[in-house]
Full PDB file with SEQRES, HELIX, SHEET, SSBOND, CRYST1, ORIGX, SCALE, CONECT and MASTER records, all heavy atoms in Angstrom:
SEQRES   1 A   29  PRO ASN ARG HIS ASP LEU GLY ARG VAL PHE ASN GLU VAL          
SEQRES   2 A   29  PRO GLU LEU TYR ASP ARG VAL ARG PRO GLY TYR PRO ASP          
SEQRES   3 A   29  GLU LEU PHE                                                  
HELIX    1 AA1 ARG A    3  GLU A   12  1                                  10    
HELIX    2 AA2 PRO A   14  VAL A   20  1                                   7    
HELIX    3 AA3 ASP A   26  LEU A   28  5                                   3    
CRYST1    1.000    1.000    1.000  90.00  90.00  90.00 P 1           1          
ORIGX1      1.000000  0.000000  0.000000        0.00000                         
ORIGX2      0.000000  1.000000  0.000000        0.00000                         
ORIGX3      0.000000  0.000000  1.000000        0.00000                         
SCALE1      1.000000  0.000000  0.000000        0.00000                         
SCALE2      0.000000  1.000000  0.000000        0.00000                         
SCALE3      0.000000  0.000000  1.000000        0.00000                         
ATOM      1  N   PRO A   1       0.827  -1.203   0.000  1.00  0.00           N  
ATOM      2  CA  PRO A   1       0.000   0.000   0.000  1.00  0.00           C  
ATOM      3  C   PRO A   1       0.863   1.255   0.000  1.00  0.00           C  
ATOM      4  O   PRO A   1       1.878   1.325   0.680  1.00  0.00           O  
ATOM      5  CB  PRO A   1      -0.810  -0.102   1.295  1.00  0.00           C  
ATOM      6  CG  PRO A   1      -0.144  -1.131   2.119  1.00  0.00           C  
ATOM      7  CD  PRO A   1       0.704  -1.977   1.217  1.00  0.00           C  
ATOM      8  N   ASN A   2       0.479   2.224  -0.788  1.00  0.00           N  
ATOM      9  CA  ASN A   2       1.138   3.515  -0.846  1.00  0.00           C  
ATOM     10  C   ASN A   2       0.590   4.380   0.276  1.00  0.00           C  
ATOM     11  O   ASN A   2      -0.609   4.439   0.480  1.00  0.00           O  
ATOM     12  CB  ASN A   2       0.855   4.136  -2.219  1.00  0.00           C  
ATOM     13  CG  ASN A   2       1.465   5.497  -2.394  1.00  0.00           C  
ATOM     14  OD1 ASN A   2       1.235   6.404  -1.592  1.00  0.00           O  
ATOM     15  ND2 ASN A   2       2.223   5.649  -3.466  1.00  0.00           N  
ATOM     16  N   ARG A   3       1.455   5.078   1.033  1.00  0.00           N  
ATOM     17  CA  ARG A   3       0.981   5.874   2.163  1.00  0.00           C  
ATOM     18  C   ARG A   3       0.017   6.962   1.721  1.00  0.00           C  
ATOM     19  O   ARG A   3      -0.876   7.333   2.453  1.00  0.00           O  
ATOM     20  CB  ARG A   3       2.136   6.444   2.970  1.00  0.00           C  
ATOM     21  CG  ARG A   3       2.943   7.492   2.277  1.00  0.00           C  
ATOM     22  CD  ARG A   3       4.099   7.955   3.177  1.00  0.00           C  
ATOM     23  NE  ARG A   3       4.912   8.919   2.501  1.00  0.00           N  
ATOM     24  CZ  ARG A   3       4.748  10.226   2.593  1.00  0.00           C  
ATOM     25  NH1 ARG A   3       3.812  10.706   3.357  1.00  0.00           N  
ATOM     26  NH2 ARG A   3       5.530  11.048   1.946  1.00  0.00           N  
ATOM     27  N   HIS A   4       0.173   7.466   0.495  1.00  0.00           N  
ATOM     28  CA  HIS A   4      -0.760   8.479  -0.005  1.00  0.00           C  
ATOM     29  C   HIS A   4      -2.129   7.863  -0.270  1.00  0.00           C  
ATOM     30  O   HIS A   4      -3.158   8.498  -0.027  1.00  0.00           O  
ATOM     31  CB  HIS A   4      -0.205   9.154  -1.249  1.00  0.00           C  
ATOM     32  CG  HIS A   4       1.071   9.900  -0.980  1.00  0.00           C  
ATOM     33  ND1 HIS A   4       1.118  11.047  -0.223  1.00  0.00           N  
ATOM     34  CD2 HIS A   4       2.344   9.635  -1.344  1.00  0.00           C  
ATOM     35  CE1 HIS A   4       2.360  11.473  -0.140  1.00  0.00           C  
ATOM     36  NE2 HIS A   4       3.131  10.635  -0.805  1.00  0.00           N  
ATOM     37  N   ASP A   5      -2.151   6.628  -0.760  1.00  0.00           N  
ATOM     38  CA  ASP A   5      -3.421   5.929  -0.970  1.00  0.00           C  
ATOM     39  C   ASP A   5      -4.128   5.689   0.359  1.00  0.00           C  
ATOM     40  O   ASP A   5      -5.341   5.843   0.462  1.00  0.00           O  
ATOM     41  CB  ASP A   5      -3.203   4.594  -1.692  1.00  0.00           C  
ATOM     42  CG  ASP A   5      -2.750   4.781  -3.135  1.00  0.00           C  
ATOM     43  OD1 ASP A   5      -2.988   5.868  -3.709  1.00  0.00           O  
ATOM     44  OD2 ASP A   5      -2.140   3.842  -3.679  1.00  0.00           O  
ATOM     45  N   LEU A   6      -3.369   5.302   1.397  1.00  0.00           N  
ATOM     46  CA  LEU A   6      -3.960   5.080   2.713  1.00  0.00           C  
ATOM     47  C   LEU A   6      -4.576   6.364   3.255  1.00  0.00           C  
ATOM     48  O   LEU A   6      -5.646   6.352   3.847  1.00  0.00           O  
ATOM     49  CB  LEU A   6      -2.917   4.539   3.691  1.00  0.00           C  
ATOM     50  CG  LEU A   6      -2.493   3.093   3.484  1.00  0.00           C  
ATOM     51  CD1 LEU A   6      -1.381   2.720   4.452  1.00  0.00           C  
ATOM     52  CD2 LEU A   6      -3.665   2.154   3.653  1.00  0.00           C  
ATOM     53  N   GLY A   7      -3.900   7.486   3.049  1.00  0.00           N  
ATOM     54  CA  GLY A   7      -4.440   8.768   3.487  1.00  0.00           C  
ATOM     55  C   GLY A   7      -5.777   9.063   2.852  1.00  0.00           C  
ATOM     56  O   GLY A   7      -6.699   9.566   3.503  1.00  0.00           O  
ATOM     57  N   ARG A   8      -5.929   8.730   1.587  1.00  0.00           N  
ATOM     58  CA  ARG A   8      -7.219   8.948   0.904  1.00  0.00           C  
ATOM     59  C   ARG A   8      -8.287   8.034   1.479  1.00  0.00           C  
ATOM     60  O   ARG A   8      -9.435   8.445   1.654  1.00  0.00           O  
ATOM     61  CB  ARG A   8      -7.061   8.741  -0.596  1.00  0.00           C  
ATOM     62  CG  ARG A   8      -6.404   9.919  -1.295  1.00  0.00           C  
ATOM     63  CD  ARG A   8      -6.515   9.800  -2.798  1.00  0.00           C  
ATOM     64  NE  ARG A   8      -5.554   8.879  -3.358  1.00  0.00           N  
ATOM     65  CZ  ARG A   8      -4.292   9.193  -3.649  1.00  0.00           C  
ATOM     66  NH1 ARG A   8      -3.838  10.396  -3.403  1.00  0.00           N  
ATOM     67  NH2 ARG A   8      -3.482   8.311  -4.174  1.00  0.00           N  
ATOM     68  N   VAL A   9      -7.932   6.805   1.791  1.00  0.00           N  
ATOM     69  CA  VAL A   9      -8.892   5.873   2.378  1.00  0.00           C  
ATOM     70  C   VAL A   9      -9.332   6.374   3.746  1.00  0.00           C  
ATOM     71  O   VAL A   9     -10.520   6.399   4.066  1.00  0.00           O  
ATOM     72  CB  VAL A   9      -8.302   4.447   2.482  1.00  0.00           C  
ATOM     73  CG1 VAL A   9      -9.185   3.546   3.316  1.00  0.00           C  
ATOM     74  CG2 VAL A   9      -8.089   3.861   1.092  1.00  0.00           C  
ATOM     75  N   PHE A  10      -8.381   6.804   4.576  1.00  0.00           N  
ATOM     76  CA  PHE A  10      -8.723   7.323   5.902  1.00  0.00           C  
ATOM     77  C   PHE A  10      -9.658   8.522   5.778  1.00  0.00           C  
ATOM     78  O   PHE A  10     -10.576   8.691   6.573  1.00  0.00           O  
ATOM     79  CB  PHE A  10      -7.477   7.726   6.676  1.00  0.00           C  
ATOM     80  CG  PHE A  10      -6.540   6.590   6.985  1.00  0.00           C  
ATOM     81  CD1 PHE A  10      -5.185   6.824   7.114  1.00  0.00           C  
ATOM     82  CD2 PHE A  10      -6.996   5.287   7.142  1.00  0.00           C  
ATOM     83  CE1 PHE A  10      -4.308   5.789   7.411  1.00  0.00           C  
ATOM     84  CE2 PHE A  10      -6.133   4.243   7.437  1.00  0.00           C  
ATOM     85  CZ  PHE A  10      -4.785   4.503   7.569  1.00  0.00           C  
ATOM     86  N   ASN A  11      -9.436   9.365   4.789  1.00  0.00           N  
ATOM     87  CA  ASN A  11     -10.264  10.546   4.597  1.00  0.00           C  
ATOM     88  C   ASN A  11     -11.702  10.175   4.238  1.00  0.00           C  
ATOM     89  O   ASN A  11     -12.624  10.920   4.541  1.00  0.00           O  
ATOM     90  CB  ASN A  11      -9.677  11.459   3.514  1.00  0.00           C  
ATOM     91  CG  ASN A  11     -10.398  12.776   3.431  1.00  0.00           C  
ATOM     92  OD1 ASN A  11     -10.484  13.515   4.408  1.00  0.00           O  
ATOM     93  ND2 ASN A  11     -10.954  13.065   2.277  1.00  0.00           N  
ATOM     94  N   GLU A  12     -11.895   9.023   3.629  1.00  0.00           N  
ATOM     95  CA  GLU A  12     -13.240   8.584   3.253  1.00  0.00           C  
ATOM     96  C   GLU A  12     -14.047   8.073   4.442  1.00  0.00           C  
ATOM     97  O   GLU A  12     -15.271   8.033   4.383  1.00  0.00           O  
ATOM     98  CB  GLU A  12     -13.150   7.496   2.170  1.00  0.00           C  
ATOM     99  CG  GLU A  12     -12.627   8.012   0.852  1.00  0.00           C  
ATOM    100  CD  GLU A  12     -12.385   6.914  -0.160  1.00  0.00           C  
ATOM    101  OE1 GLU A  12     -12.757   5.743   0.092  1.00  0.00           O  
ATOM    102  OE2 GLU A  12     -11.797   7.222  -1.208  1.00  0.00           O  
ATOM    103  N   VAL A  13     -13.374   7.675   5.506  1.00  0.00           N  
ATOM    104  CA  VAL A  13     -14.048   7.150   6.703  1.00  0.00           C  
ATOM    105  C   VAL A  13     -13.458   7.774   7.964  1.00  0.00           C  
ATOM    106  O   VAL A  13     -12.950   7.072   8.838  1.00  0.00           O  
ATOM    107  CB  VAL A  13     -13.968   5.601   6.749  1.00  0.00           C  
ATOM    108  CG1 VAL A  13     -14.844   4.961   5.684  1.00  0.00           C  
ATOM    109  CG2 VAL A  13     -12.521   5.124   6.617  1.00  0.00           C  
ATOM    110  N   PRO A  14     -13.536   9.093   8.111  1.00  0.00           N  
ATOM    111  CA  PRO A  14     -12.836   9.747   9.217  1.00  0.00           C  
ATOM    112  C   PRO A  14     -13.314   9.323  10.604  1.00  0.00           C  
ATOM    113  O   PRO A  14     -12.501   9.201  11.516  1.00  0.00           O  
ATOM    114  CB  PRO A  14     -13.081  11.236   8.976  1.00  0.00           C  
ATOM    115  CG  PRO A  14     -14.260  11.302   8.090  1.00  0.00           C  
ATOM    116  CD  PRO A  14     -14.238  10.048   7.273  1.00  0.00           C  
ATOM    117  N   GLU A  15     -14.614   9.088  10.772  1.00  0.00           N  
ATOM    118  CA  GLU A  15     -15.108   8.685  12.097  1.00  0.00           C  
ATOM    119  C   GLU A  15     -14.591   7.312  12.486  1.00  0.00           C  
ATOM    120  O   GLU A  15     -14.197   7.083  13.626  1.00  0.00           O  
ATOM    121  CB  GLU A  15     -16.646   8.706  12.145  1.00  0.00           C  
ATOM    122  CG  GLU A  15     -17.252  10.095  12.093  1.00  0.00           C  
ATOM    123  CD  GLU A  15     -17.417  10.621  10.665  1.00  0.00           C  
ATOM    124  OE1 GLU A  15     -17.165   9.868   9.688  1.00  0.00           O  
ATOM    125  OE2 GLU A  15     -17.777  11.797  10.519  1.00  0.00           O  
ATOM    126  N   LEU A  16     -14.582   6.381  11.527  1.00  0.00           N  
ATOM    127  CA  LEU A  16     -14.048   5.045  11.790  1.00  0.00           C  
ATOM    128  C   LEU A  16     -12.554   5.128  12.099  1.00  0.00           C  
ATOM    129  O   LEU A  16     -12.079   4.520  13.061  1.00  0.00           O  
ATOM    130  CB  LEU A  16     -14.288   4.121  10.589  1.00  0.00           C  
ATOM    131  CG  LEU A  16     -13.666   2.729  10.671  1.00  0.00           C  
ATOM    132  CD1 LEU A  16     -14.235   1.952  11.856  1.00  0.00           C  
ATOM    133  CD2 LEU A  16     -13.882   1.978   9.363  1.00  0.00           C  
ATOM    134  N   TYR A  17     -11.828   5.876  11.295  1.00  0.00           N  
ATOM    135  CA  TYR A  17     -10.391   6.049  11.523  1.00  0.00           C  
ATOM    136  C   TYR A  17     -10.142   6.602  12.926  1.00  0.00           C  
ATOM    137  O   TYR A  17      -9.282   6.106  13.663  1.00  0.00           O  
ATOM    138  CB  TYR A  17      -9.809   6.979  10.464  1.00  0.00           C  
ATOM    139  CG  TYR A  17      -8.382   7.383  10.707  1.00  0.00           C  
ATOM    140  CD1 TYR A  17      -7.347   6.476  10.533  1.00  0.00           C  
ATOM    141  CD2 TYR A  17      -8.068   8.670  11.112  1.00  0.00           C  
ATOM    142  CE1 TYR A  17      -6.030   6.843  10.767  1.00  0.00           C  
ATOM    143  CE2 TYR A  17      -6.751   9.048  11.342  1.00  0.00           C  
ATOM    144  CZ  TYR A  17      -5.742   8.138  11.165  1.00  0.00           C  
ATOM    145  OH  TYR A  17      -4.447   8.498  11.397  1.00  0.00           O  
ATOM    146  N   ASP A  18     -10.905   7.605  13.312  1.00  0.00           N  
ATOM    147  CA  ASP A  18     -10.741   8.221  14.625  1.00  0.00           C  
ATOM    148  C   ASP A  18     -11.050   7.234  15.749  1.00  0.00           C  
ATOM    149  O   ASP A  18     -10.364   7.202  16.761  1.00  0.00           O  
ATOM    150  CB  ASP A  18     -11.646   9.444  14.740  1.00  0.00           C  
ATOM    151  CG  ASP A  18     -11.413  10.219  16.011  1.00  0.00           C  
ATOM    152  OD1 ASP A  18     -10.260  10.624  16.262  1.00  0.00           O  
ATOM    153  OD2 ASP A  18     -12.379  10.419  16.763  1.00  0.00           O  
ATOM    154  N   ARG A  19     -12.055   6.417  15.547  1.00  0.00           N  
ATOM    155  CA  ARG A  19     -12.489   5.479  16.581  1.00  0.00           C  
ATOM    156  C   ARG A  19     -11.468   4.372  16.823  1.00  0.00           C  
ATOM    157  O   ARG A  19     -11.253   3.949  17.946  1.00  0.00           O  
ATOM    158  CB  ARG A  19     -13.855   4.889  16.203  1.00  0.00           C  
ATOM    159  CG  ARG A  19     -14.516   4.109  17.316  1.00  0.00           C  
ATOM    160  CD  ARG A  19     -15.962   3.735  17.023  1.00  0.00           C  
ATOM    161  NE  ARG A  19     -16.119   2.966  15.789  1.00  0.00           N  
ATOM    162  CZ  ARG A  19     -16.779   3.401  14.710  1.00  0.00           C  
ATOM    163  NH1 ARG A  19     -17.337   4.583  14.691  1.00  0.00           N  
ATOM    164  NH2 ARG A  19     -16.885   2.638  13.642  1.00  0.00           N  
ATOM    165  N   VAL A  20     -10.809   3.893  15.769  1.00  0.00           N  
ATOM    166  CA  VAL A  20      -9.912   2.744  15.913  1.00  0.00           C  
ATOM    167  C   VAL A  20      -8.447   3.131  16.072  1.00  0.00           C  
ATOM    168  O   VAL A  20      -7.635   2.300  16.476  1.00  0.00           O  
ATOM    169  CB  VAL A  20     -10.062   1.743  14.740  1.00  0.00           C  
ATOM    170  CG1 VAL A  20     -11.481   1.208  14.668  1.00  0.00           C  
ATOM    171  CG2 VAL A  20      -9.636   2.350  13.424  1.00  0.00           C  
ATOM    172  N   ARG A  21      -8.111   4.371  15.795  1.00  0.00           N  
ATOM    173  CA  ARG A  21      -6.718   4.795  15.915  1.00  0.00           C  
ATOM    174  C   ARG A  21      -6.381   5.009  17.386  1.00  0.00           C  
ATOM    175  O   ARG A  21      -7.076   5.714  18.089  1.00  0.00           O  
ATOM    176  CB  ARG A  21      -6.494   6.103  15.162  1.00  0.00           C  
ATOM    177  CG  ARG A  21      -5.026   6.451  15.074  1.00  0.00           C  
ATOM    178  CD  ARG A  21      -4.833   7.785  14.396  1.00  0.00           C  
ATOM    179  NE  ARG A  21      -3.480   8.064  14.033  1.00  0.00           N  
ATOM    180  CZ  ARG A  21      -2.438   8.106  14.851  1.00  0.00           C  
ATOM    181  NH1 ARG A  21      -2.588   7.846  16.107  1.00  0.00           N  
ATOM    182  NH2 ARG A  21      -1.236   8.396  14.425  1.00  0.00           N  
ATOM    183  N   PRO A  22      -5.285   4.424  17.848  1.00  0.00           N  
ATOM    184  CA  PRO A  22      -4.905   4.632  19.247  1.00  0.00           C  
ATOM    185  C   PRO A  22      -4.533   6.090  19.502  1.00  0.00           C  
ATOM    186  O   PRO A  22      -4.018   6.774  18.619  1.00  0.00           O  
ATOM    187  CB  PRO A  22      -3.690   3.727  19.447  1.00  0.00           C  
ATOM    188  CG  PRO A  22      -3.399   3.083  18.155  1.00  0.00           C  
ATOM    189  CD  PRO A  22      -4.377   3.540  17.137  1.00  0.00           C  
ATOM    190  N   GLY A  23      -4.797   6.554  20.707  1.00  0.00           N  
ATOM    191  CA  GLY A  23      -4.450   7.915  21.093  1.00  0.00           C  
ATOM    192  C   GLY A  23      -2.987   8.012  21.501  1.00  0.00           C  
ATOM    193  O   GLY A  23      -2.247   7.022  21.486  1.00  0.00           O  
ATOM    194  N   TYR A  24      -2.580   9.200  21.861  1.00  0.00           N  
ATOM    195  CA  TYR A  24      -1.218   9.451  22.286  1.00  0.00           C  
ATOM    196  C   TYR A  24      -1.164   9.524  23.811  1.00  0.00           C  
ATOM    197  O   TYR A  24      -2.033  10.132  24.426  1.00  0.00           O  
ATOM    198  CB  TYR A  24      -0.705  10.770  21.705  1.00  0.00           C  
ATOM    199  CG  TYR A  24      -0.678  10.791  20.200  1.00  0.00           C  
ATOM    200  CD1 TYR A  24      -1.665  11.445  19.480  1.00  0.00           C  
ATOM    201  CD2 TYR A  24       0.338  10.151  19.500  1.00  0.00           C  
ATOM    202  CE1 TYR A  24      -1.636  11.467  18.093  1.00  0.00           C  
ATOM    203  CE2 TYR A  24       0.374  10.163  18.112  1.00  0.00           C  
ATOM    204  CZ  TYR A  24      -0.623  10.831  17.418  1.00  0.00           C  
ATOM    205  OH  TYR A  24      -0.587  10.849  16.049  1.00  0.00           O  
ATOM    206  N   PRO A  25      -0.143   8.950  24.420  1.00  0.00           N  
ATOM    207  CA  PRO A  25      -0.033   9.025  25.890  1.00  0.00           C  
ATOM    208  C   PRO A  25       0.328  10.447  26.333  1.00  0.00           C  
ATOM    209  O   PRO A  25       1.043  11.166  25.640  1.00  0.00           O  
ATOM    210  CB  PRO A  25       1.094   8.042  26.216  1.00  0.00           C  
ATOM    211  CG  PRO A  25       1.894   7.929  24.965  1.00  0.00           C  
ATOM    212  CD  PRO A  25       0.942   8.171  23.823  1.00  0.00           C  
ATOM    213  N   ASP A  26      -0.174  10.840  27.488  1.00  0.00           N  
ATOM    214  CA  ASP A  26       0.109  12.167  28.041  1.00  0.00           C  
ATOM    215  C   ASP A  26       1.609  12.407  28.200  1.00  0.00           C  
ATOM    216  O   ASP A  26       2.090  13.532  28.043  1.00  0.00           O  
ATOM    217  CB  ASP A  26      -0.586  12.343  29.393  1.00  0.00           C  
ATOM    218  CG  ASP A  26      -2.100  12.385  29.264  1.00  0.00           C  
ATOM    219  OD1 ASP A  26      -2.602  12.715  28.167  1.00  0.00           O  
ATOM    220  OD2 ASP A  26      -2.780  12.088  30.264  1.00  0.00           O  
ATOM    221  N   GLU A  27       2.351  11.351  28.502  1.00  0.00           N  
ATOM    222  CA  GLU A  27       3.796  11.464  28.684  1.00  0.00           C  
ATOM    223  C   GLU A  27       4.490  11.975  27.419  1.00  0.00           C  
ATOM    224  O   GLU A  27       5.522  12.644  27.503  1.00  0.00           O  
ATOM    225  CB  GLU A  27       4.409  10.113  29.099  1.00  0.00           C  
ATOM    226  CG  GLU A  27       3.938   9.601  30.435  1.00  0.00           C  
ATOM    227  CD  GLU A  27       2.589   8.882  30.376  1.00  0.00           C  
ATOM    228  OE1 GLU A  27       2.087   8.597  29.266  1.00  0.00           O  
ATOM    229  OE2 GLU A  27       2.028   8.629  31.453  1.00  0.00           O  
ATOM    230  N   LEU A  28       3.925  11.661  26.253  1.00  0.00           N  
ATOM    231  CA  LEU A  28       4.506  12.130  24.995  1.00  0.00           C  
ATOM    232  C   LEU A  28       4.560  13.652  24.974  1.00  0.00           C  
ATOM    233  O   LEU A  28       5.567  14.247  24.585  1.00  0.00           O  
ATOM    234  CB  LEU A  28       3.696  11.612  23.811  1.00  0.00           C  
ATOM    235  CG  LEU A  28       4.090  12.182  22.451  1.00  0.00           C  
ATOM    236  CD1 LEU A  28       5.451  11.662  22.031  1.00  0.00           C  
ATOM    237  CD2 LEU A  28       3.051  11.831  21.415  1.00  0.00           C  
ATOM    238  N   PHE A  29       3.486  14.294  25.420  1.00  0.00           N  
ATOM    239  CA  PHE A  29       3.427  15.753  25.377  1.00  0.00           C  
ATOM    240  C   PHE A  29       4.294  16.376  26.463  1.00  0.00           C  
ATOM    241  O   PHE A  29       4.873  17.444  26.252  1.00  0.00           O  
ATOM    242  CB  PHE A  29       1.972  16.213  25.437  1.00  0.00           C  
ATOM    243  CG  PHE A  29       1.210  15.691  24.252  1.00  0.00           C  
ATOM    244  CD1 PHE A  29       0.445  14.543  24.355  1.00  0.00           C  
ATOM    245  CD2 PHE A  29       1.320  16.302  23.018  1.00  0.00           C  
ATOM    246  CE1 PHE A  29      -0.219  14.032  23.249  1.00  0.00           C  
ATOM    247  CE2 PHE A  29       0.672  15.795  21.904  1.00  0.00           C  
ATOM    248  CZ  PHE A  29      -0.105  14.660  22.017  1.00  0.00           C  
TER     249      PHE A  29                                                      
MASTER        0    0    0    3    0    0    0    6  248    1    0    3          
END                                                                             
């Protein structure tokens, strides 16, 4: 998969992408 193609796919389903993508730990910030 091309990373640019994946970006387009994520853009087509933003709510799903947001729901399944892990968040960032507070320690990172």
